[in-house]
PDB file of N, CA and C in Angstrom:
ATOM      1  N   MET A   1       0.999  -1.396  -0.177  1.00  0.00           N
ATOM      2  CA  MET A   1       0.232   0.137  -0.255  1.00  0.00           C
ATOM      3  C   MET A   1       0.660   1.084  -0.161  1.00  0.00           C
ATOM      4  N   SER A   2       0.305   2.514  -0.748  1.00  0.00           N
ATOM      5  CA  SER A   2       1.360   3.748  -0.709  1.00  0.00           C
ATOM      6  C   SER A   2       0.466   4.512   0.260  1.00  0.00           C
ATOM      7  N   MET A   3       1.683   5.517   0.162  1.00  0.00           N
ATOM      8  CA  MET A   3       1.233   6.570   1.125  1.00  0.00           C
ATOM      9  C   MET A   3       0.725   7.674   0.230  1.00  0.00           C
ATOM     10  N   GLN A   4      -0.252   8.458   0.285  1.00  0.00           N
ATOM     11  CA  GLN A   4      -0.926   9.300   0.078  1.00  0.00           C
ATOM     12  C   GLN A   4      -0.750  10.577   0.192  1.00  0.00           C
ATOM     13  N   SER A   5      -0.268  11.568  -0.090  1.00  0.00           N
ATOM     14  CA  SER A   5      -0.103  12.956   0.375  1.00  0.00           C
ATOM     15  C   SER A   5      -1.381  13.878  -0.084  1.00  0.00           C
ATOM     16  N   ASN A   6      -2.028  14.482   1.284  1.00  0.00           N
ATOM     17  CA  ASN A   6      -3.043  15.150   1.126  1.00  0.00           C
ATOM     18  C   ASN A   6      -2.949  16.339   1.682  1.00  0.00           C
ATOM     19  N   GLY A   7      -1.947  17.483   0.908  1.00  0.00           N
ATOM     20  CA  GLY A   7      -1.690  18.457   1.408  1.00  0.00           C
ATOM     21  C   GLY A   7      -0.248  18.763   2.012  1.00  0.00           C
ATOM     22  N   ASN A   8      -0.400  18.955   3.201  1.00  0.00           N
ATOM     23  CA  ASN A   8       0.533  18.775   4.645  1.00  0.00           C
ATOM     24  C   ASN A   8       0.409  17.328   5.294  1.00  0.00           C
ATOM     25  N   GLN A   9      -0.299  16.952   5.034  1.00  0.00           N
ATOM     26  CA  GLN A   9      -0.744  15.662   5.831  1.00  0.00           C
ATOM     27  C   GLN A   9      -0.487  14.569   5.367  1.00  0.00           C
ATOM     28  N   THR A  10       0.129  13.510   5.858  1.00  0.00           N
ATOM     29  CA  THR A  10       0.549  12.203   5.020  1.00  0.00           C
ATOM     30  C   THR A  10      -0.468  11.057   5.610  1.00  0.00           C
ATOM     31  N   GLU A  11      -1.121  10.083   4.742  1.00  0.00           N
ATOM     32  CA  GLU A  11      -2.101   9.363   5.562  1.00  0.00           C
ATOM     33  C   GLU A  11      -1.023   7.712   5.240  1.00  0.00           C
ATOM     34  N   GLN A  12      -1.082   7.153   6.420  1.00  0.00           N
ATOM     35  CA  GLN A  12      -0.481   5.627   5.944  1.00  0.00           C
ATOM     36  C   GLN A  12      -0.973   5.009   6.067  1.00  0.00           C
ATOM     37  N   ALA A  13      -0.773   3.571   5.514  1.00  0.00           N
ATOM     38  CA  ALA A  13      -2.010   2.650   5.840  1.00  0.00           C
ATOM     39  C   ALA A  13      -1.646   1.673   6.911  1.00  0.00           C
ATOM     40  N   ILE A  14      -2.843   1.534   7.845  1.00  0.00           N
ATOM     41  CA  ILE A  14      -2.501   0.883   8.949  1.00  0.00           C
ATOM     42  C   ILE A  14      -3.122  -0.762   8.572  1.00  0.00           C
ATOM     43  N   HIS A  15      -2.088  -1.446   9.040  1.00  0.00           N
ATOM     44  CA  HIS A  15      -3.027  -3.024   9.326  1.00  0.00           C
ATOM     45  C   HIS A  15      -3.503  -3.521  10.149  1.00  0.00           C
ATOM     46  N   VAL A  16      -4.899  -3.680   9.782  1.00  0.00           N
ATOM     47  CA  VAL A  16      -5.859  -4.228  10.312  1.00  0.00           C
ATOM     48  C   VAL A  16      -6.633  -5.426  10.404  1.00  0.00           C
ATOM     49  N   GLN A  17      -6.038  -6.488  11.361  1.00  0.00           N
ATOM     50  CA  GLN A  17      -6.741  -7.606  11.429  1.00  0.00           C
ATOM     51  C   GLN A  17      -7.923  -8.073  12.045  1.00  0.00           C
ATOM     52  N   GLY A  18      -8.870  -8.941  11.305  1.00  0.00           N
ATOM     53  CA  GLY A  18      -9.995  -8.770  11.520  1.00  0.00           C
ATOM     54  C   GLY A  18     -10.213 -10.539  11.059  1.00  0.00           C
ATOM     55  N   TYR A  19     -11.736 -11.118  11.961  1.00  0.00           N
ATOM     56  CA  TYR A  19     -11.976 -12.516  11.434  1.00  0.00           C
ATOM     57  C   TYR A  19     -12.925 -12.535  10.252  1.00  0.00           C
ATOM     58  N   CYS A  20     -12.228 -13.249   8.992  1.00  0.00           N
ATOM     59  CA  CYS A  20     -13.275 -13.299   8.186  1.00  0.00           C
ATOM     60  C   CYS A  20     -14.254 -14.886   8.364  1.00  0.00           C
ATOM     61  N   VAL A  21     -15.491 -14.697   8.251  1.00  0.00           N
ATOM     62  CA  VAL A  21     -16.015 -15.748   8.253  1.00  0.00           C
ATOM     63  C   VAL A  21     -16.025 -16.759   7.152  1.00  0.00           C
ATOM     64  N   HIS A  22     -15.900 -16.409   6.265  1.00  0.00           N
ATOM     65  CA  HIS A  22     -15.642 -16.701   5.021  1.00  0.00           C
ATOM     66  C   HIS A  22     -14.407 -18.545   4.901  1.00  0.00           C
ATOM     67  N   CYS A  23     -13.472 -17.611   5.533  1.00  0.00           N
ATOM     68  CA  CYS A  23     -12.242 -18.349   5.496  1.00  0.00           C
ATOM     69  C   CYS A  23     -12.135 -18.954   6.936  1.00  0.00           C
ATOM     70  N   ARG A  24     -12.334 -18.430   7.671  1.00  0.00           N
ATOM     71  CA  ARG A  24     -12.871 -18.947   9.007  1.00  0.00           C
ATOM     72  C   ARG A  24     -11.341 -18.897   9.866  1.00  0.00           C
ATOM     73  N   SER A  25     -10.664 -17.680   9.706  1.00  0.00           N
ATOM     74  CA  SER A  25      -9.442 -17.135  10.351  1.00  0.00           C
ATOM     75  C   SER A  25      -9.506 -15.730  10.555  1.00  0.00           C
ATOM     76  N   HIS A  26      -7.896 -15.456  10.796  1.00  0.00           N
ATOM     77  CA  HIS A  26      -7.746 -13.879  11.326  1.00  0.00           C
ATOM     78  C   HIS A  26      -7.193 -13.645   9.813  1.00  0.00           C
ATOM     79  N   ARG A  27      -7.578 -12.375   9.083  1.00  0.00           N
ATOM     80  CA  ARG A  27      -7.200 -12.248   8.258  1.00  0.00           C
ATOM     81  C   ARG A  27      -6.748 -10.833   7.878  1.00  0.00           C
ATOM     82  N   PRO A  28      -5.829 -10.322   7.116  1.00  0.00           N
ATOM     83  CA  PRO A  28      -5.784  -8.944   7.328  1.00  0.00           C
ATOM     84  C   PRO A  28      -7.113  -7.882   6.159  1.00  0.00           C
ATOM     85  N   MET A  29      -7.380  -7.108   6.795  1.00  0.00           N
ATOM     86  CA  MET A  29      -8.520  -6.277   6.130  1.00  0.00           C
ATOM     87  C   MET A  29      -8.083  -4.954   5.380  1.00  0.00           C
ATOM     88  N   ASN A  30      -8.441  -4.943   4.171  1.00  0.00           N
ATOM     89  CA  ASN A  30      -8.545  -4.268   3.204  1.00  0.00           C
ATOM     90  C   ASN A  30      -9.538  -3.178   3.105  1.00  0.00           C
ATOM     91  N   GLY A  31      -8.656  -1.846   2.899  1.00  0.00           N
ATOM     92  CA  GLY A  31     -10.055  -0.774   3.024  1.00  0.00           C
ATOM     93  C   GLY A  31     -10.854  -0.562   4.112  1.00  0.00           C
ATOM     94  N   ALA A  32     -10.099  -0.733   5.229  1.00  0.00           N
ATOM     95  CA  ALA A  32     -10.725  -0.330   6.818  1.00  0.00           C
ATOM     96  C   ALA A  32     -11.519   0.887   6.314  1.00  0.00           C
ATOM     97  N   ILE A  33     -12.725   1.101   6.621  1.00  0.00           N
ATOM     98  CA  ILE A  33     -13.306   2.257   7.514  1.00  0.00           C
ATOM     99  C   ILE A  33     -13.881   2.142   8.666  1.00  0.00           C
ATOM    100  N   GLN A  34     -13.850   3.475   9.268  1.00  0.00           N
ATOM    101  CA  GLN A  34     -14.612   3.286  10.441  1.00  0.00           C
ATOM    102  C   GLN A  34     -16.407   3.676  10.359  1.00  0.00           C
ATOM    103  N   VAL A  35     -16.950   2.556  10.952  1.00  0.00           N
ATOM    104  CA  VAL A  35     -18.616   3.016  10.978  1.00  0.00           C
ATOM    105  C   VAL A  35     -19.270   3.078  12.124  1.00  0.00           C
ATOM    106  N   CYS A  36     -20.365   3.628  12.509  1.00  0.00           N
ATOM    107  CA  CYS A  36     -20.971   3.631  13.727  1.00  0.00           C
ATOM    108  C   CYS A  36     -22.173   2.608  13.458  1.00  0.00           C
ATOM    109  N   ASN A  37     -22.056   1.917  14.984  1.00  0.00           N
ATOM    110  CA  ASN A  37     -23.098   0.678  15.010  1.00  0.00           C
ATOM    111  C   ASN A  37     -24.484   0.950  15.353  1.00  0.00           C
ATOM    112  N   ARG A  38     -25.321   0.426  15.396  1.00  0.00           N
ATOM    113  CA  ARG A  38     -26.783   0.603  15.847  1.00  0.00           C
ATOM    114  C   ARG A  38     -27.108   1.138  17.517  1.00  0.00           C
ATOM    115  N   ARG A  39     -25.853   0.777  18.108  1.00  0.00           N
ATOM    116  CA  ARG A  39     -26.009   1.057  19.556  1.00  0.00           C
ATOM    117  C   ARG A  39     -25.185   2.216  19.871  1.00  0.00           C
ATOM    118  N   GLY A  40     -24.576   2.903  18.904  1.00  0.00           N
ATOM    119  CA  GLY A  40     -23.558   4.180  19.543  1.00  0.00           C
ATOM    120  C   GLY A  40     -22.048   3.850  19.502  1.00  0.00           C
ATOM    121  N   GLY A  41     -21.782   2.637  18.752  1.00  0.00           N
ATOM    122  CA  GLY A  41     -20.377   2.413  19.048  1.00  0.00           C
ATOM    123  C   GLY A  41     -19.269   2.629  17.790  1.00  0.00           C
ATOM    124  N   ARG A  42     -18.591   2.689  17.748  1.00  0.00           N
ATOM    125  CA  ARG A  42     -17.438   2.631  16.938  1.00  0.00           C
ATOM    126  C   ARG A  42     -17.189   1.294  16.107  1.00  0.00           C
ATOM    127  N   ASP A  43     -16.703   0.879  14.941  1.00  0.00           N
ATOM    128  CA  ASP A  43     -16.363  -0.732  14.537  1.00  0.00           C
ATOM    129  C   ASP A  43     -15.951  -0.460  13.083  1.00  0.00           C
ATOM    130  N   LEU A  44     -14.896  -1.398  12.722  1.00  0.00           N
ATOM    131  CA  LEU A  44     -14.201  -1.145  11.339  1.00  0.00           C
ATOM    132  C   LEU A  44     -15.077  -2.248  10.470  1.00  0.00           C
ATOM    133  N   LYS A  45     -15.067  -1.554   9.179  1.00  0.00           N
ATOM    134  CA  LYS A  45     -15.517  -2.436   8.167  1.00  0.00           C
ATOM    135  C   LYS A  45     -14.949  -2.437   6.903  1.00  0.00           C
ATOM    136  N   GLY A  46     -14.727  -3.738   6.293  1.00  0.00           N
ATOM    137  CA  GLY A  46     -13.901  -3.649   5.236  1.00  0.00           C
ATOM    138  C   GLY A  46     -14.123  -5.054   4.723  1.00  0.00           C
ATOM    139  N   HIS A  47     -12.525  -5.459   3.874  1.00  0.00           N
ATOM    140  CA  HIS A  47     -12.756  -6.455   2.953  1.00  0.00           C
ATOM    141  C   HIS A  47     -11.636  -7.341   3.419  1.00  0.00           C
ATOM    142  N   CYS A  48     -11.597  -8.571   3.328  1.00  0.00           N
ATOM    143  CA  CYS A  48     -10.648  -9.801   3.554  1.00  0.00           C
ATOM    144  C   CYS A  48      -9.698 -10.015   2.343  1.00  0.00           C
ATOM    145  N   GLY A  49      -8.410  -9.915   2.862  1.00  0.00           N
ATOM    146  CA  GLY A  49      -7.305  -9.611   2.191  1.00  0.00           C
ATOM    147  C   GLY A  49      -7.158 -10.682   1.067  1.00  0.00           C
ATOM    148  N   VAL A  50      -7.505 -11.967   1.459  1.00  0.00           N
ATOM    149  CA  VAL A  50      -7.383 -13.109   0.656  1.00  0.00           C
ATOM    150  C   VAL A  50      -8.510 -13.271  -0.036  1.00  0.00           C
ATOM    151  N   CYS A  51      -9.902 -13.221   0.347  1.00  0.00           N
ATOM    152  CA  CYS A  51     -10.930 -13.861  -0.433  1.00  0.00           C
ATOM    153  C   CYS A  51     -12.077 -12.782  -1.064  1.00  0.00           C
ATOM    154  N   GLY A  52     -11.739 -11.826  -0.363  1.00  0.00           N
ATOM    155  CA  GLY A  52     -12.423 -10.258  -0.803  1.00  0.00           C
ATOM    156  C   GLY A  52     -13.686 -10.096   0.032  1.00  0.00           C
ATOM    157  N   LYS A  53     -14.374 -11.122   0.454  1.00  0.00           N
ATOM    158  CA  LYS A  53     -15.410 -10.791   1.131  1.00  0.00           C
ATOM    159  C   LYS A  53     -15.546  -9.900   2.284  1.00  0.00           C
ATOM    160  N   SER A  54     -16.599  -9.257   2.502  1.00  0.00           N
ATOM    161  CA  SER A  54     -16.605  -8.139   3.772  1.00  0.00           C
ATOM    162  C   SER A  54     -16.002  -8.895   4.739  1.00  0.00           C
ATOM    163  N   MET A  55     -15.591  -8.299   5.743  1.00  0.00           N
ATOM    164  CA  MET A  55     -15.379  -7.855   7.006  1.00  0.00           C
ATOM    165  C   MET A  55     -15.706  -7.154   7.982  1.00  0.00           C
ATOM    166  N   TYR A  56     -16.319  -7.364   8.998  1.00  0.00           N
ATOM    167  CA  TYR A  56     -16.993  -6.358  10.611  1.00  0.00           C
ATOM    168  C   TYR A  56     -15.597  -6.895  11.628  1.00  0.00           C
ATOM    169  N   ARG A  57     -15.180  -5.485  12.460  1.00  0.00           N
ATOM    170  CA  ARG A  57     -14.584  -5.540  13.562  1.00  0.00           C
ATOM    171  C   ARG A  57     -14.784  -4.405  14.337  1.00  0.00           C
ATOM    172  N   LEU A  58     -15.175  -5.188  15.743  1.00  0.00           N
ATOM    173  CA  LEU A  58     -16.050  -4.380  16.776  1.00  0.00           C
ATOM    174  C   LEU A  58     -14.823  -3.505  17.250  1.00  0.00           C
ATOM    175  N   GLY A  59     -14.845  -2.505  17.701  1.00  0.00           N
ATOM    176  CA  GLY A  59     -14.036  -1.486  18.344  1.00  0.00           C
ATOM    177  C   GLY A  59     -13.254  -0.620  17.825  1.00  0.00           C
ATOM    178  N   GLY A  60     -13.663  -0.221  16.387  1.00  0.00           N
ATOM    179  CA  GLY A  60     -12.920   0.835  15.623  1.00  0.00           C
ATOM    180  C   GLY A  60     -11.467   1.190  15.826  1.00  0.00           C
ATOM    181  N   TRP A  61     -11.209   2.367  15.411  1.00  0.00           N
ATOM    182  CA  TRP A  61      -9.872   2.860  15.295  1.00  0.00           C
ATOM    183  C   TRP A  61      -8.846   2.643  16.370  1.00  0.00           C
ATOM    184  N   ASP A  62      -9.734   2.949  17.627  1.00  0.00           N
ATOM    185  CA  ASP A  62      -9.096   3.292  18.853  1.00  0.00           C
ATOM    186  C   ASP A  62      -8.760   1.663  19.722  1.00  0.00           C
ATOM    187  N   ALA A  63      -9.659   0.536  19.372  1.00  0.00           N
ATOM    188  CA  ALA A  63      -9.089  -0.731  19.503  1.00  0.00           C
ATOM    189  C   ALA A  63      -8.298  -1.068  18.780  1.00  0.00           C
ATOM    190  N   VAL A  64      -7.829  -0.684  17.523  1.00  0.00           N
ATOM    191  CA  VAL A  64      -6.383  -1.052  17.189  1.00  0.00           C
ATOM    192  C   VAL A  64      -5.417  -0.628  17.153  1.00  0.00           C
ATOM    193  N   ASP A  65      -5.289   0.987  17.909  1.00  0.00           N
ATOM    194  CA  ASP A  65      -4.475   1.655  18.419  1.00  0.00           C
ATOM    195  C   ASP A  65      -4.018   1.196  19.573  1.00  0.00           C
ATOM    196  N   ALA A  66      -5.010   0.524  20.615  1.00  0.00           N
ATOM    197  CA  ALA A  66      -4.445   0.274  21.875  1.00  0.00           C
ATOM    198  C   ALA A  66      -3.745  -1.445  21.886  1.00  0.00           C
ATOM    199  N   GLN A  67      -4.295  -2.066  20.791  1.00  0.00           N
ATOM    200  CA  GLN A  67      -3.854  -3.417  20.393  1.00  0.00           C
ATOM    201  C   GLN A  67      -2.292  -3.411  19.927  1.00  0.00           C
ATOM    202  N   THR A  68      -2.139  -1.960  18.928  1.00  0.00           N
ATOM    203  CA  THR A  68      -0.855  -2.119  18.174  1.00  0.00           C
ATOM    204  C   THR A  68       0.229  -1.589  19.494  1.00  0.00           C
ATOM    205  N   CYS A  69      -0.374  -0.380  20.302  1.00  0.00           N
ATOM    206  CA  CYS A  69       0.771   0.080  21.561  1.00  0.00           C
ATOM    207  C   CYS A  69       0.895  -1.251  22.634  1.00  0.00           C
ATOM    208  N   ALA A  70       0.054  -2.051  22.647  1.00  0.00           N
ATOM    209  CA  ALA A  70       0.496  -2.936  23.568  1.00  0.00           C
ATOM    210  C   ALA A  70       1.271  -4.203  23.253  1.00  0.00           C
ATOM    211  N   SER A  71       1.454  -4.146  22.032  1.00  0.00           N
ATOM    212  CA  SER A  71       1.786  -5.572  21.429  1.00  0.00           C
ATOM    213  C   SER A  71       3.351  -4.877  21.401  1.00  0.00           C
ATOM    214  N   SER A  72       3.107  -3.620  20.770  1.00  0.00           N
ATOM    215  CA  SER A  72       4.769  -3.264  20.092  1.00  0.00           C
ATOM    216  C   SER A  72       5.551  -2.751  21.337  1.00  0.00           C
ATOM    217  N   ASP A  73       5.122  -2.909  23.133  1.00  0.00           N
ATOM    218  CA  ASP A  73       5.757  -2.199  23.807  1.00  0.00           C
ATOM    219  C   ASP A  73       5.257  -3.713  25.251  1.00  0.00           C
ATOM    220  N   PRO A  74       6.147  -4.404  25.323  1.00  0.00           N
ATOM    221  CA  PRO A  74       5.839  -5.568  26.364  1.00  0.00           C
ATOM    222  C   PRO A  74       5.523  -4.872  27.982  1.00  0.00           C
ATOM    223  N   ALA A  75       6.166  -3.912  28.155  1.00  0.00           N
ATOM    224  CA  ALA A  75       6.346  -3.255  29.643  1.00  0.00           C
ATOM    225  C   ALA A  75       5.256  -2.493  29.637  1.00  0.00           C
ATOM    226  N   ASN A  76       4.404  -2.174  28.407  1.00  0.00           N
ATOM    227  CA  ASN A  76       3.096  -1.632  29.003  1.00  0.00           C
ATOM    228  C   ASN A  76       2.128  -2.668  29.391  1.00  0.00           C
ATOM    229  N   VAL A  77       1.330  -2.570  30.579  1.00  0.00           N
ATOM    230  CA  VAL A  77       1.001  -3.339  31.363  1.00  0.00           C
ATOM    231  C   VAL A  77      -0.669  -2.900  31.271  1.00  0.00           C
ATOM    232  N   LYS A  78      -0.850  -1.418  30.830  1.00  0.00           N
ATOM    233  CA  LYS A  78      -2.202  -0.384  30.737  1.00  0.00           C
ATOM    234  C   LYS A  78      -3.306  -1.581  30.162  1.00  0.00           C
ATOM    235  N   GLY A  79      -4.436  -1.921  30.508  1.00  0.00           N
ATOM    236  CA  GLY A  79      -5.846  -2.643  30.118  1.00  0.00           C
ATOM    237  C   GLY A  79      -5.244  -3.892  30.374  1.00  0.00           C
ATOM    238  N   ARG A  80      -4.084  -4.594  31.100  1.00  0.00           N
ATOM    239  CA  ARG A  80      -4.191  -6.022  31.582  1.00  0.00           C
ATOM    240  C   ARG A  80      -4.792  -5.963  32.933  1.00  0.00           C
ATOM    241  N   LEU A  81      -5.696  -6.622  33.278  1.00  0.00           N
ATOM    242  CA  LEU A  81      -5.812  -6.818  34.495  1.00  0.00           C
ATOM    243  C   LEU A  81      -5.182  -7.793  35.431  1.00  0.00           C
ATOM    244  N   ASP A  82      -5.413  -7.497  36.823  1.00  0.00           N
ATOM    245  CA  ASP A  82      -4.459  -8.155  38.068  1.00  0.00           C
ATOM    246  C   ASP A  82      -5.754  -8.964  38.583  1.00  0.00           C
ATOM    247  N   PRO A  83      -5.480 -10.268  38.947  1.00  0.00           N
ATOM    248  CA  PRO A  83      -7.239 -10.767  39.293  1.00  0.00           C
ATOM    249  C   PRO A  83      -7.165 -10.195  40.912  1.00  0.00           C
ATOM    250  N   GLY A  84      -6.690 -10.012  41.569  1.00  0.00           N
ATOM    251  CA  GLY A  84      -6.364  -9.563  42.726  1.00  0.00           C
ATOM    252  C   GLY A  84      -6.845  -7.949  43.087  1.00  0.00           C
ATOM    253  N   ALA A  85      -6.851  -7.005  41.979  1.00  0.00           N
ATOM    254  CA  ALA A  85      -7.002  -5.864  42.060  1.00  0.00           C
ATOM    255  C   ALA A  85      -8.418  -5.557  41.644  1.00  0.00           C
ATOM    256  N   PRO A  86      -8.942  -4.342  42.734  1.00  0.00           N
ATOM    257  CA  PRO A  86     -10.623  -4.412  42.107  1.00  0.00           C
ATOM    258  C   PRO A  86     -10.298  -3.306  40.693  1.00  0.00           C
ATOM    259  N   VAL A  87     -12.070  -3.932  40.423  1.00  0.00           N
ATOM    260  CA  VAL A  87     -12.256  -3.333  39.052  1.00  0.00           C
ATOM    261  C   VAL A  87     -13.224  -2.101  39.039  1.00  0.00           C
ATOM    262  N   ASN A  88     -12.721  -1.170  38.332  1.00  0.00           N
ATOM    263  CA  ASN A  88     -12.712   0.166  38.449  1.00  0.00           C
ATOM    264  C   ASN A  88     -13.191   1.053  39.817  1.00  0.00           C
ATOM    265  N   GLY A  89     -12.087   0.534  40.497  1.00  0.00           N
ATOM    266  CA  GLY A  89     -11.895   1.109  42.051  1.00  0.00           C
ATOM    267  C   GLY A  89     -13.084   0.698  42.879  1.00  0.00           C
ATOM    268  N   MET A  90     -14.176  -0.219  42.914  1.00  0.00           N
ATOM    269  CA  MET A  90     -14.769  -0.822  43.787  1.00  0.00           C
ATOM    270  C   MET A  90     -14.091  -2.116  43.954  1.00  0.00           C
ATOM    271  N   THR A  91     -14.399  -2.139  45.588  1.00  0.00           N
ATOM    272  CA  THR A  91     -13.810  -3.874  45.798  1.00  0.00           C
ATOM    273  C   THR A  91     -15.021  -4.804  45.996  1.00  0.00           C
ATOM    274  N   SER A  92     -14.879  -6.040  46.179  1.00  0.00           N
ATOM    275  CA  SER A  92     -15.459  -6.550  46.294  1.00  0.00           C
ATOM    276  C   SER A  92     -16.501  -7.398  47.492  1.00  0.00           C
ATOM    277  N   PRO A  93     -17.875  -7.280  47.462  1.00  0.00           N
ATOM    278  CA  PRO A  93     -18.279  -7.563  48.896  1.00  0.00           C
ATOM    279  C   PRO A  93     -18.023  -8.879  49.650  1.00  0.00           C
ATOM    280  N   LEU A  94     -16.833  -9.798  49.076  1.00  0.00           N
ATOM    281  CA  LEU A  94     -16.791 -10.825  49.607  1.00  0.00           C
ATOM    282  C   LEU A  94     -15.502 -10.799  50.872  1.00  0.00           C
TER     283      LEU A  94
END
């Protein structure tokens, strides 16, 4: 994929992985765009890089950025849950 210049901004192609129902495995998503689902959340919509069928991924670009940051920096523990830590600042009633 090439870089397109748009004035002063440069758009880079971001590799997005999604689950292809037709191939039954995780595949690269081509032409991913962010869409709004009926509950107001953000999702990604694109096409499978292998078979060309349409794909859908929950989470939008924020989920892709978080996954990229977590996989590139193993010391980054943000988002990982400690089994003994309270969830959302609340303690367990037990």
